[in-house]
Amino acid sequence: MKNIITASLFAAACCAGSTASAQLKPFSFGPYVEAAFPSGAMSDAQNTGYGLGLSLDVKLPVKFNITGSAGFMHFGGKDFPGVANASYPAVNVLPVRVGAKYRFSGIFYGALETGAVFAVDNKTAKKTSGILAPAFGVRFVNLDFRAKYESWFNERSFWGLQAALRF
C-alpha cells in the first residue's frame, strides 16, 4: 500500500511539473478552427461561416500576450426563390489579425484583435476591409477556446467561436 501511495504521489508531481513548465513557454503556435454566425446585414445575405488557419501567441510580462493569426473563411450564400429568385453568392476571405491578450486570474483572458480581411474571388464584397474583434476565452495548456464578436469595416459582422491547438 505504501508503494502505491508513493508511486501515485511521484506520478502526480511529474505531471504537475510538466504542466507548469508548459505554461511558462515564451510563445506558442498552432492551427485553429472557427465557426462564424453572421449578424446584422451580413445575416441577410450569408449563412454560417467556417474557417481554419494558424495562430501565434507571444507571452509578455505582466499578464499580457501579443497575438497574430492568418486563415481562410467561407460563408455560404443565401437563396430566396420566392422573392424574384434573389440570390447572394458565397463569400470567401483571408483574415489576417494581430492583437493583444490580457490574462485574468487563472485560465481566463480577454483579447482585442485588429487587422485586414481580403476577399477571394468575390464580386459582392469589397476587396479589402479592416477588422476589429474583441474576445473572451479560456486557455488550457495546449487548448485555447474563445468567443468573439468580429466586425469588418465594410458593414459585415459576426459572432464567432474559435478552438485552437497550441504547441
N, C-alpha and C. Protein backbone atom coordinates (compact mmCIF):
# COMPACT_ATOMS: atom_id res chain seq x y z
N MET A 1 0.83 -1.19 0.00
CA MET A 1 0.00 0.00 0.00
C MET A 1 0.87 1.25 0.00
N LYS A 2 1.94 1.20 0.80
CA LYS A 2 2.85 2.34 0.89
C LYS A 2 3.50 2.61 -0.47
N ASN A 3 3.84 1.56 -1.22
CA ASN A 3 4.45 1.71 -2.54
C ASN A 3 3.48 2.34 -3.54
N ILE A 4 2.21 1.96 -3.45
CA ILE A 4 1.20 2.52 -4.35
C ILE A 4 1.03 4.01 -4.10
N ILE A 5 0.97 4.42 -2.83
CA ILE A 5 0.82 5.83 -2.49
C ILE A 5 2.04 6.61 -2.94
N THR A 6 3.23 6.06 -2.71
CA THR A 6 4.47 6.73 -3.12
C THR A 6 4.51 6.88 -4.64
N ALA A 7 4.17 5.84 -5.37
CA ALA A 7 4.16 5.90 -6.83
C ALA A 7 3.13 6.90 -7.34
N SER A 8 1.97 6.96 -6.71
CA SER A 8 0.93 7.92 -7.11
C SER A 8 1.38 9.35 -6.88
N LEU A 9 2.00 9.61 -5.74
CA LEU A 9 2.50 10.96 -5.45
C LEU A 9 3.61 11.35 -6.43
N PHE A 10 4.49 10.42 -6.76
CA PHE A 10 5.56 10.69 -7.71
C PHE A 10 4.98 11.02 -9.10
N ALA A 11 4.00 10.24 -9.54
CA ALA A 11 3.36 10.48 -10.85
C ALA A 11 2.66 11.84 -10.87
N ALA A 12 1.97 12.18 -9.79
CA ALA A 12 1.28 13.47 -9.71
C ALA A 12 2.28 14.62 -9.75
N ALA A 13 3.41 14.48 -9.06
CA ALA A 13 4.43 15.52 -9.07
C ALA A 13 5.04 15.69 -10.45
N CYS A 14 5.27 14.59 -11.16
CA CYS A 14 5.81 14.67 -12.52
C CYS A 14 4.83 15.38 -13.46
N CYS A 15 3.55 15.05 -13.35
CA CYS A 15 2.53 15.68 -14.20
C CYS A 15 2.42 17.16 -13.89
N ALA A 16 2.42 17.52 -12.63
CA ALA A 16 2.32 18.93 -12.24
C ALA A 16 3.53 19.70 -12.73
N GLY A 17 4.71 19.10 -12.65
CA GLY A 17 5.92 19.76 -13.13
C GLY A 17 5.90 19.99 -14.62
N SER A 18 5.45 19.00 -15.39
CA SER A 18 5.41 19.16 -16.84
C SER A 18 4.34 20.17 -17.25
N THR A 19 3.23 20.23 -16.52
CA THR A 19 2.20 21.22 -16.81
C THR A 19 2.71 22.62 -16.52
N ALA A 20 3.38 22.81 -15.40
CA ALA A 20 3.88 24.14 -15.04
C ALA A 20 4.92 24.61 -16.04
N SER A 21 5.82 23.74 -16.48
CA SER A 21 6.84 24.17 -17.42
C SER A 21 6.22 24.47 -18.78
N ALA A 22 5.16 23.76 -19.16
CA ALA A 22 4.50 24.03 -20.44
C ALA A 22 3.83 25.40 -20.42
N GLN A 23 3.35 25.83 -19.26
CA GLN A 23 2.69 27.13 -19.18
C GLN A 23 3.69 28.28 -19.20
N LEU A 24 4.97 28.01 -18.99
CA LEU A 24 5.98 29.05 -18.95
C LEU A 24 6.66 29.27 -20.30
N LYS A 25 6.23 28.61 -21.35
CA LYS A 25 6.83 28.80 -22.66
C LYS A 25 6.65 30.25 -23.09
N PRO A 26 7.68 30.84 -23.74
CA PRO A 26 7.57 32.24 -24.15
C PRO A 26 6.62 32.47 -25.32
N PHE A 27 6.35 31.46 -26.12
CA PHE A 27 5.39 31.61 -27.22
C PHE A 27 4.79 30.26 -27.56
N SER A 28 3.66 30.30 -28.24
CA SER A 28 3.03 29.08 -28.73
C SER A 28 2.39 29.38 -30.09
N PHE A 29 2.21 28.35 -30.88
CA PHE A 29 1.59 28.49 -32.19
C PHE A 29 0.79 27.23 -32.47
N GLY A 30 -0.05 27.30 -33.48
CA GLY A 30 -0.80 26.11 -33.84
C GLY A 30 -2.00 26.42 -34.71
N PRO A 31 -2.69 25.38 -35.15
CA PRO A 31 -3.86 25.55 -36.01
C PRO A 31 -5.11 25.90 -35.20
N TYR A 32 -6.05 26.55 -35.87
CA TYR A 32 -7.34 26.82 -35.24
C TYR A 32 -8.45 26.54 -36.24
N VAL A 33 -9.64 26.30 -35.70
CA VAL A 33 -10.86 26.21 -36.49
C VAL A 33 -11.86 27.16 -35.86
N GLU A 34 -12.75 27.70 -36.68
CA GLU A 34 -13.75 28.60 -36.13
C GLU A 34 -15.07 28.49 -36.87
N ALA A 35 -16.12 28.82 -36.15
CA ALA A 35 -17.46 28.90 -36.71
C ALA A 35 -17.92 30.34 -36.53
N ALA A 36 -18.56 30.89 -37.56
CA ALA A 36 -18.98 32.29 -37.54
C ALA A 36 -20.47 32.37 -37.83
N PHE A 37 -21.19 33.11 -37.00
CA PHE A 37 -22.63 33.25 -37.11
C PHE A 37 -22.95 34.70 -37.47
N PRO A 38 -23.25 34.98 -38.76
CA PRO A 38 -23.45 36.35 -39.22
C PRO A 38 -24.53 37.09 -38.43
N SER A 39 -24.31 38.39 -38.26
CA SER A 39 -25.29 39.25 -37.60
C SER A 39 -25.51 40.49 -38.45
N GLY A 40 -26.56 41.22 -38.15
CA GLY A 40 -26.85 42.45 -38.89
C GLY A 40 -27.12 42.18 -40.36
N ALA A 41 -26.65 43.09 -41.21
CA ALA A 41 -26.87 42.98 -42.65
C ALA A 41 -26.24 41.72 -43.24
N MET A 42 -25.15 41.26 -42.64
CA MET A 42 -24.50 40.06 -43.16
C MET A 42 -25.39 38.82 -43.04
N SER A 43 -26.23 38.79 -42.01
CA SER A 43 -27.11 37.63 -41.82
C SER A 43 -28.19 37.55 -42.89
N ASP A 44 -28.48 38.67 -43.56
CA ASP A 44 -29.46 38.65 -44.64
C ASP A 44 -28.91 37.98 -45.90
N ALA A 45 -27.59 38.02 -46.09
CA ALA A 45 -27.00 37.54 -47.33
C ALA A 45 -26.17 36.27 -47.19
N GLN A 46 -25.64 35.99 -45.98
CA GLN A 46 -24.75 34.85 -45.82
C GLN A 46 -25.22 33.89 -44.74
N ASN A 47 -24.91 32.62 -44.95
CA ASN A 47 -25.15 31.57 -43.96
C ASN A 47 -23.97 31.48 -43.01
N THR A 48 -24.04 30.54 -42.09
CA THR A 48 -22.96 30.31 -41.14
C THR A 48 -21.64 30.11 -41.87
N GLY A 49 -20.59 30.71 -41.31
CA GLY A 49 -19.27 30.59 -41.91
C GLY A 49 -18.38 29.64 -41.13
N TYR A 50 -17.39 29.11 -41.83
CA TYR A 50 -16.42 28.21 -41.21
C TYR A 50 -15.03 28.61 -41.66
N GLY A 51 -14.07 28.43 -40.77
CA GLY A 51 -12.72 28.82 -41.13
C GLY A 51 -11.67 27.99 -40.44
N LEU A 52 -10.45 28.13 -40.94
CA LEU A 52 -9.30 27.49 -40.32
C LEU A 52 -8.07 28.34 -40.62
N GLY A 53 -7.03 28.14 -39.82
CA GLY A 53 -5.82 28.91 -40.02
C GLY A 53 -4.75 28.57 -39.01
N LEU A 54 -3.74 29.43 -38.93
CA LEU A 54 -2.64 29.29 -37.99
C LEU A 54 -2.58 30.52 -37.11
N SER A 55 -2.23 30.32 -35.84
CA SER A 55 -2.15 31.46 -34.92
C SER A 55 -0.87 31.38 -34.10
N LEU A 56 -0.45 32.54 -33.61
CA LEU A 56 0.76 32.69 -32.80
C LEU A 56 0.40 33.47 -31.55
N ASP A 57 0.98 33.09 -30.43
CA ASP A 57 0.71 33.73 -29.14
C ASP A 57 2.05 33.93 -28.44
N VAL A 58 2.47 35.19 -28.26
CA VAL A 58 3.77 35.50 -27.64
C VAL A 58 3.52 36.09 -26.26
N LYS A 59 4.08 35.45 -25.25
CA LYS A 59 3.89 35.88 -23.86
C LYS A 59 4.78 37.08 -23.55
N LEU A 60 4.18 38.09 -22.90
CA LEU A 60 4.90 39.27 -22.42
C LEU A 60 4.81 39.30 -20.90
N PRO A 61 5.61 40.12 -20.24
CA PRO A 61 5.49 40.24 -18.78
C PRO A 61 4.14 40.84 -18.37
N VAL A 62 3.81 40.69 -17.14
CA VAL A 62 2.63 41.30 -16.52
C VAL A 62 1.33 40.92 -17.21
N LYS A 63 1.10 39.66 -17.44
CA LYS A 63 -0.18 39.10 -17.89
C LYS A 63 -0.61 39.49 -19.30
N PHE A 64 0.27 40.02 -20.13
CA PHE A 64 -0.09 40.39 -21.49
C PHE A 64 0.53 39.43 -22.50
N ASN A 65 -0.15 39.25 -23.62
CA ASN A 65 0.36 38.48 -24.75
C ASN A 65 0.13 39.29 -26.02
N ILE A 66 0.95 39.05 -27.02
CA ILE A 66 0.72 39.58 -28.36
C ILE A 66 0.24 38.40 -29.20
N THR A 67 -0.79 38.61 -29.99
CA THR A 67 -1.36 37.52 -30.79
C THR A 67 -1.33 37.87 -32.28
N GLY A 68 -1.36 36.86 -33.09
CA GLY A 68 -1.43 37.03 -34.53
C GLY A 68 -2.03 35.79 -35.16
N SER A 69 -2.72 35.96 -36.26
CA SER A 69 -3.30 34.80 -36.95
C SER A 69 -3.54 35.13 -38.42
N ALA A 70 -3.57 34.09 -39.22
CA ALA A 70 -3.92 34.21 -40.64
C ALA A 70 -4.67 32.94 -41.01
N GLY A 71 -5.71 33.09 -41.82
CA GLY A 71 -6.50 31.92 -42.15
C GLY A 71 -7.38 32.10 -43.37
N PHE A 72 -8.35 31.21 -43.50
CA PHE A 72 -9.31 31.21 -44.59
C PHE A 72 -10.70 31.01 -43.99
N MET A 73 -11.68 31.78 -44.48
CA MET A 73 -13.07 31.63 -44.03
C MET A 73 -14.00 31.55 -45.23
N HIS A 74 -15.05 30.76 -45.09
CA HIS A 74 -16.06 30.61 -46.13
C HIS A 74 -17.44 30.83 -45.51
N PHE A 75 -18.20 31.74 -46.10
CA PHE A 75 -19.59 31.98 -45.72
C PHE A 75 -20.46 31.59 -46.91
N GLY A 76 -21.37 30.66 -46.71
CA GLY A 76 -22.27 30.26 -47.79
C GLY A 76 -23.24 31.37 -48.13
N GLY A 77 -23.64 31.45 -49.39
CA GLY A 77 -24.62 32.44 -49.82
C GLY A 77 -26.04 31.96 -49.55
N LYS A 78 -26.98 32.89 -49.59
CA LYS A 78 -28.39 32.56 -49.37
C LYS A 78 -29.17 32.72 -50.66
N ASP A 79 -30.16 31.86 -50.83
CA ASP A 79 -31.08 31.94 -51.97
C ASP A 79 -32.47 32.23 -51.45
N PHE A 80 -33.20 33.09 -52.16
CA PHE A 80 -34.58 33.41 -51.83
C PHE A 80 -35.43 33.17 -53.08
N PRO A 81 -35.80 31.91 -53.37
CA PRO A 81 -36.51 31.60 -54.60
C PRO A 81 -37.88 32.26 -54.70
N GLY A 82 -38.55 32.53 -53.60
CA GLY A 82 -39.87 33.13 -53.65
C GLY A 82 -39.85 34.63 -53.87
N VAL A 83 -38.70 35.25 -53.77
CA VAL A 83 -38.59 36.70 -53.90
C VAL A 83 -37.80 37.03 -55.17
N ALA A 84 -38.44 36.94 -56.29
CA ALA A 84 -37.83 37.27 -57.58
C ALA A 84 -36.52 36.52 -57.80
N ASN A 85 -36.45 35.31 -57.30
CA ASN A 85 -35.25 34.48 -57.44
C ASN A 85 -33.98 35.20 -56.97
N ALA A 86 -34.08 35.92 -55.87
CA ALA A 86 -32.92 36.62 -55.31
C ALA A 86 -31.90 35.61 -54.82
N SER A 87 -30.64 35.91 -55.05
CA SER A 87 -29.58 35.01 -54.64
C SER A 87 -28.34 35.81 -54.26
N TYR A 88 -27.72 35.44 -53.16
CA TYR A 88 -26.48 36.08 -52.73
C TYR A 88 -25.36 35.05 -52.84
N PRO A 89 -24.22 35.43 -53.41
CA PRO A 89 -23.13 34.46 -53.57
C PRO A 89 -22.41 34.18 -52.26
N ALA A 90 -21.66 33.08 -52.25
CA ALA A 90 -20.81 32.75 -51.10
C ALA A 90 -19.69 33.79 -51.00
N VAL A 91 -19.17 33.97 -49.80
CA VAL A 91 -18.06 34.89 -49.56
C VAL A 91 -16.89 34.08 -49.03
N ASN A 92 -15.74 34.19 -49.69
CA ASN A 92 -14.50 33.55 -49.25
C ASN A 92 -13.49 34.65 -48.94
N VAL A 93 -12.91 34.60 -47.76
CA VAL A 93 -11.99 35.66 -47.34
C VAL A 93 -10.75 35.08 -46.66
N LEU A 94 -9.70 35.89 -46.64
CA LEU A 94 -8.46 35.58 -45.93
C LEU A 94 -8.28 36.63 -44.83
N PRO A 95 -8.62 36.32 -43.58
CA PRO A 95 -8.41 37.28 -42.50
C PRO A 95 -6.99 37.20 -41.94
N VAL A 96 -6.39 38.36 -41.70
CA VAL A 96 -5.08 38.47 -41.07
C VAL A 96 -5.26 39.39 -39.87
N ARG A 97 -4.95 38.88 -38.67
CA ARG A 97 -5.22 39.63 -37.44
C ARG A 97 -3.97 39.71 -36.56
N VAL A 98 -3.84 40.83 -35.84
CA VAL A 98 -2.84 40.99 -34.78
C VAL A 98 -3.57 41.61 -33.60
N GLY A 99 -3.06 41.37 -32.40
CA GLY A 99 -3.76 41.93 -31.25
C GLY A 99 -3.02 41.71 -29.95
N ALA A 100 -3.74 41.98 -28.89
CA ALA A 100 -3.22 41.82 -27.53
C ALA A 100 -4.20 41.01 -26.72
N LYS A 101 -3.66 40.30 -25.75
CA LYS A 101 -4.47 39.47 -24.88
C LYS A 101 -4.06 39.77 -23.44
N TYR A 102 -5.04 39.93 -22.56
CA TYR A 102 -4.78 40.13 -21.14
C TYR A 102 -5.27 38.92 -20.38
N ARG A 103 -4.37 38.28 -19.63
CA ARG A 103 -4.72 37.09 -18.87
C ARG A 103 -5.27 37.51 -17.51
N PHE A 104 -6.54 37.21 -17.27
CA PHE A 104 -7.13 37.42 -15.95
C PHE A 104 -6.58 36.34 -15.03
N SER A 105 -7.08 36.23 -13.86
CA SER A 105 -6.61 35.18 -12.96
C SER A 105 -6.93 33.80 -13.52
N GLY A 106 -6.02 32.88 -13.35
CA GLY A 106 -6.25 31.51 -13.80
C GLY A 106 -6.17 31.36 -15.30
N ILE A 107 -7.16 30.69 -15.87
CA ILE A 107 -7.12 30.31 -17.28
C ILE A 107 -7.92 31.24 -18.19
N PHE A 108 -8.54 32.28 -17.66
CA PHE A 108 -9.41 33.16 -18.44
C PHE A 108 -8.64 34.36 -18.98
N TYR A 109 -9.08 34.86 -20.15
CA TYR A 109 -8.43 36.03 -20.74
C TYR A 109 -9.43 36.83 -21.57
N GLY A 110 -9.06 38.07 -21.82
CA GLY A 110 -9.77 38.94 -22.74
C GLY A 110 -8.81 39.34 -23.84
N ALA A 111 -9.30 39.53 -25.06
CA ALA A 111 -8.42 39.85 -26.18
C ALA A 111 -9.07 40.90 -27.07
N LEU A 112 -8.24 41.64 -27.78
CA LEU A 112 -8.70 42.59 -28.79
C LEU A 112 -7.77 42.46 -29.98
N GLU A 113 -8.35 42.13 -31.13
CA GLU A 113 -7.56 41.97 -32.35
C GLU A 113 -8.03 42.94 -33.42
N THR A 114 -7.12 43.32 -34.27
CA THR A 114 -7.41 44.16 -35.42
C THR A 114 -6.63 43.60 -36.60
N GLY A 115 -6.96 44.05 -37.79
CA GLY A 115 -6.24 43.53 -38.95
C GLY A 115 -6.98 43.84 -40.23
N ALA A 116 -6.84 42.96 -41.20
CA ALA A 116 -7.47 43.15 -42.50
C ALA A 116 -8.04 41.82 -42.98
N VAL A 117 -9.10 41.93 -43.77
CA VAL A 117 -9.70 40.75 -44.39
C VAL A 117 -9.69 41.00 -45.90
N PHE A 118 -9.20 40.01 -46.64
CA PHE A 118 -9.05 40.13 -48.08
C PHE A 118 -10.04 39.19 -48.77
N ALA A 119 -10.88 39.74 -49.65
CA ALA A 119 -11.87 38.93 -50.37
C ALA A 119 -11.16 38.09 -51.43
N VAL A 120 -11.64 36.85 -51.61
CA VAL A 120 -11.07 35.93 -52.60
C VAL A 120 -12.17 35.59 -53.60
N ASP A 121 -12.00 35.93 -54.86
CA ASP A 121 -12.97 35.61 -55.91
C ASP A 121 -14.40 35.94 -55.53
N ASN A 122 -14.61 37.15 -55.09
CA ASN A 122 -15.96 37.55 -54.70
C ASN A 122 -16.26 38.92 -55.29
N LYS A 123 -17.32 39.01 -56.05
CA LYS A 123 -17.65 40.27 -56.71
C LYS A 123 -18.53 41.19 -55.86
N THR A 124 -19.12 40.64 -54.79
CA THR A 124 -20.04 41.47 -54.00
C THR A 124 -19.36 42.12 -52.80
N ALA A 125 -18.34 41.51 -52.25
CA ALA A 125 -17.67 42.08 -51.08
C ALA A 125 -16.54 43.00 -51.55
N LYS A 126 -16.24 44.00 -50.74
CA LYS A 126 -15.10 44.85 -51.05
C LYS A 126 -13.85 43.98 -51.00
N LYS A 127 -12.86 44.33 -51.78
CA LYS A 127 -11.66 43.51 -51.87
C LYS A 127 -10.92 43.43 -50.54
N THR A 128 -10.80 44.54 -49.81
CA THR A 128 -10.09 44.57 -48.54
C THR A 128 -10.90 45.37 -47.54
N SER A 129 -10.90 44.93 -46.30
CA SER A 129 -11.61 45.64 -45.25
C SER A 129 -10.85 45.48 -43.94
N GLY A 130 -11.05 46.42 -43.03
CA GLY A 130 -10.44 46.33 -41.71
C GLY A 130 -11.24 45.42 -40.80
N ILE A 131 -10.60 44.97 -39.72
CA ILE A 131 -11.22 44.08 -38.74
C ILE A 131 -11.04 44.66 -37.35
N LEU A 132 -12.07 44.53 -36.52
CA LEU A 132 -11.97 44.80 -35.09
C LEU A 132 -12.71 43.67 -34.39
N ALA A 133 -12.02 42.97 -33.46
CA ALA A 133 -12.61 41.77 -32.86
C ALA A 133 -12.27 41.63 -31.38
N PRO A 134 -13.18 42.05 -30.48
CA PRO A 134 -12.99 41.75 -29.06
C PRO A 134 -13.38 40.29 -28.78
N ALA A 135 -12.73 39.68 -27.79
CA ALA A 135 -12.99 38.27 -27.48
C ALA A 135 -12.75 37.97 -26.01
N PHE A 136 -13.39 36.93 -25.53
CA PHE A 136 -13.13 36.36 -24.21
C PHE A 136 -12.85 34.89 -24.42
N GLY A 137 -11.89 34.36 -23.64
CA GLY A 137 -11.54 32.97 -23.85
C GLY A 137 -11.03 32.28 -22.61
N VAL A 138 -10.73 31.01 -22.81
CA VAL A 138 -10.17 30.17 -21.76
C VAL A 138 -9.02 29.39 -22.39
N ARG A 139 -7.88 29.38 -21.71
CA ARG A 139 -6.69 28.71 -22.24
C ARG A 139 -6.24 27.64 -21.27
N PHE A 140 -6.27 26.40 -21.75
CA PHE A 140 -5.67 25.29 -21.02
C PHE A 140 -4.25 25.15 -21.56
N VAL A 141 -3.50 24.21 -21.11
CA VAL A 141 -2.10 24.11 -21.52
C VAL A 141 -1.96 24.08 -23.04
N ASN A 142 -2.61 23.15 -23.72
CA ASN A 142 -2.48 23.03 -25.17
C ASN A 142 -3.76 23.34 -25.94
N LEU A 143 -4.80 23.77 -25.27
CA LEU A 143 -6.07 24.08 -25.91
C LEU A 143 -6.49 25.50 -25.58
N ASP A 144 -7.04 26.18 -26.58
CA ASP A 144 -7.47 27.57 -26.42
C ASP A 144 -8.85 27.70 -27.05
N PHE A 145 -9.85 28.13 -26.27
CA PHE A 145 -11.21 28.33 -26.77
C PHE A 145 -11.59 29.78 -26.54
N ARG A 146 -12.24 30.39 -27.55
CA ARG A 146 -12.67 31.78 -27.38
C ARG A 146 -14.00 32.03 -28.06
N ALA A 147 -14.72 33.00 -27.51
CA ALA A 147 -15.95 33.51 -28.11
C ALA A 147 -15.66 34.96 -28.47
N LYS A 148 -16.09 35.38 -29.66
CA LYS A 148 -15.74 36.73 -30.10
C LYS A 148 -16.87 37.35 -30.92
N TYR A 149 -16.76 38.66 -31.06
CA TYR A 149 -17.61 39.40 -31.98
C TYR A 149 -16.66 40.08 -32.95
N GLU A 150 -16.75 39.74 -34.23
CA GLU A 150 -15.83 40.32 -35.21
C GLU A 150 -16.60 41.23 -36.15
N SER A 151 -16.12 42.46 -36.26
CA SER A 151 -16.74 43.45 -37.12
C SER A 151 -15.77 43.84 -38.23
N TRP A 152 -16.25 43.79 -39.47
CA TRP A 152 -15.45 44.23 -40.60
C TRP A 152 -15.91 45.63 -40.96
N PHE A 153 -15.01 46.47 -41.39
CA PHE A 153 -15.34 47.86 -41.66
C PHE A 153 -16.22 48.03 -42.90
N ASN A 154 -16.47 46.96 -43.66
CA ASN A 154 -17.38 47.05 -44.81
C ASN A 154 -18.80 46.61 -44.42
N GLU A 155 -19.17 46.85 -43.17
CA GLU A 155 -20.52 46.60 -42.66
C GLU A 155 -20.89 45.13 -42.57
N ARG A 156 -19.92 44.26 -42.39
CA ARG A 156 -20.19 42.85 -42.14
C ARG A 156 -19.71 42.53 -40.74
N SER A 157 -20.46 41.68 -40.04
CA SER A 157 -20.07 41.32 -38.68
C SER A 157 -20.64 39.95 -38.33
N PHE A 158 -20.02 39.31 -37.34
CA PHE A 158 -20.49 38.00 -36.92
C PHE A 158 -20.03 37.69 -35.50
N TRP A 159 -20.76 36.79 -34.87
CA TRP A 159 -20.37 36.20 -33.59
C TRP A 159 -19.61 34.94 -33.94
N GLY A 160 -18.52 34.68 -33.24
CA GLY A 160 -17.72 33.51 -33.59
C GLY A 160 -17.26 32.69 -32.40
N LEU A 161 -17.01 31.43 -32.66
CA LEU A 161 -16.41 30.51 -31.70
C LEU A 161 -15.15 29.95 -32.34
N GLN A 162 -14.06 29.95 -31.59
CA GLN A 162 -12.78 29.50 -32.12
C GLN A 162 -12.13 28.50 -31.17
N ALA A 163 -11.55 27.46 -31.71
CA ALA A 163 -10.81 26.46 -30.93
C ALA A 163 -9.44 26.30 -31.57
N ALA A 164 -8.39 26.33 -30.73
CA ALA A 164 -7.02 26.24 -31.25
C ALA A 164 -6.21 25.23 -30.45
N LEU A 165 -5.30 24.57 -31.15
CA LEU A 165 -4.29 23.73 -30.52
C LEU A 165 -3.03 24.57 -30.38
N ARG A 166 -2.32 24.44 -29.27
CA ARG A 166 -1.09 25.21 -29.04
C ARG A 166 0.08 24.27 -28.87
N PHE A 167 1.16 24.56 -29.58
CA PHE A 167 2.39 23.79 -29.47
C PHE A 167 3.51 24.67 -28.97
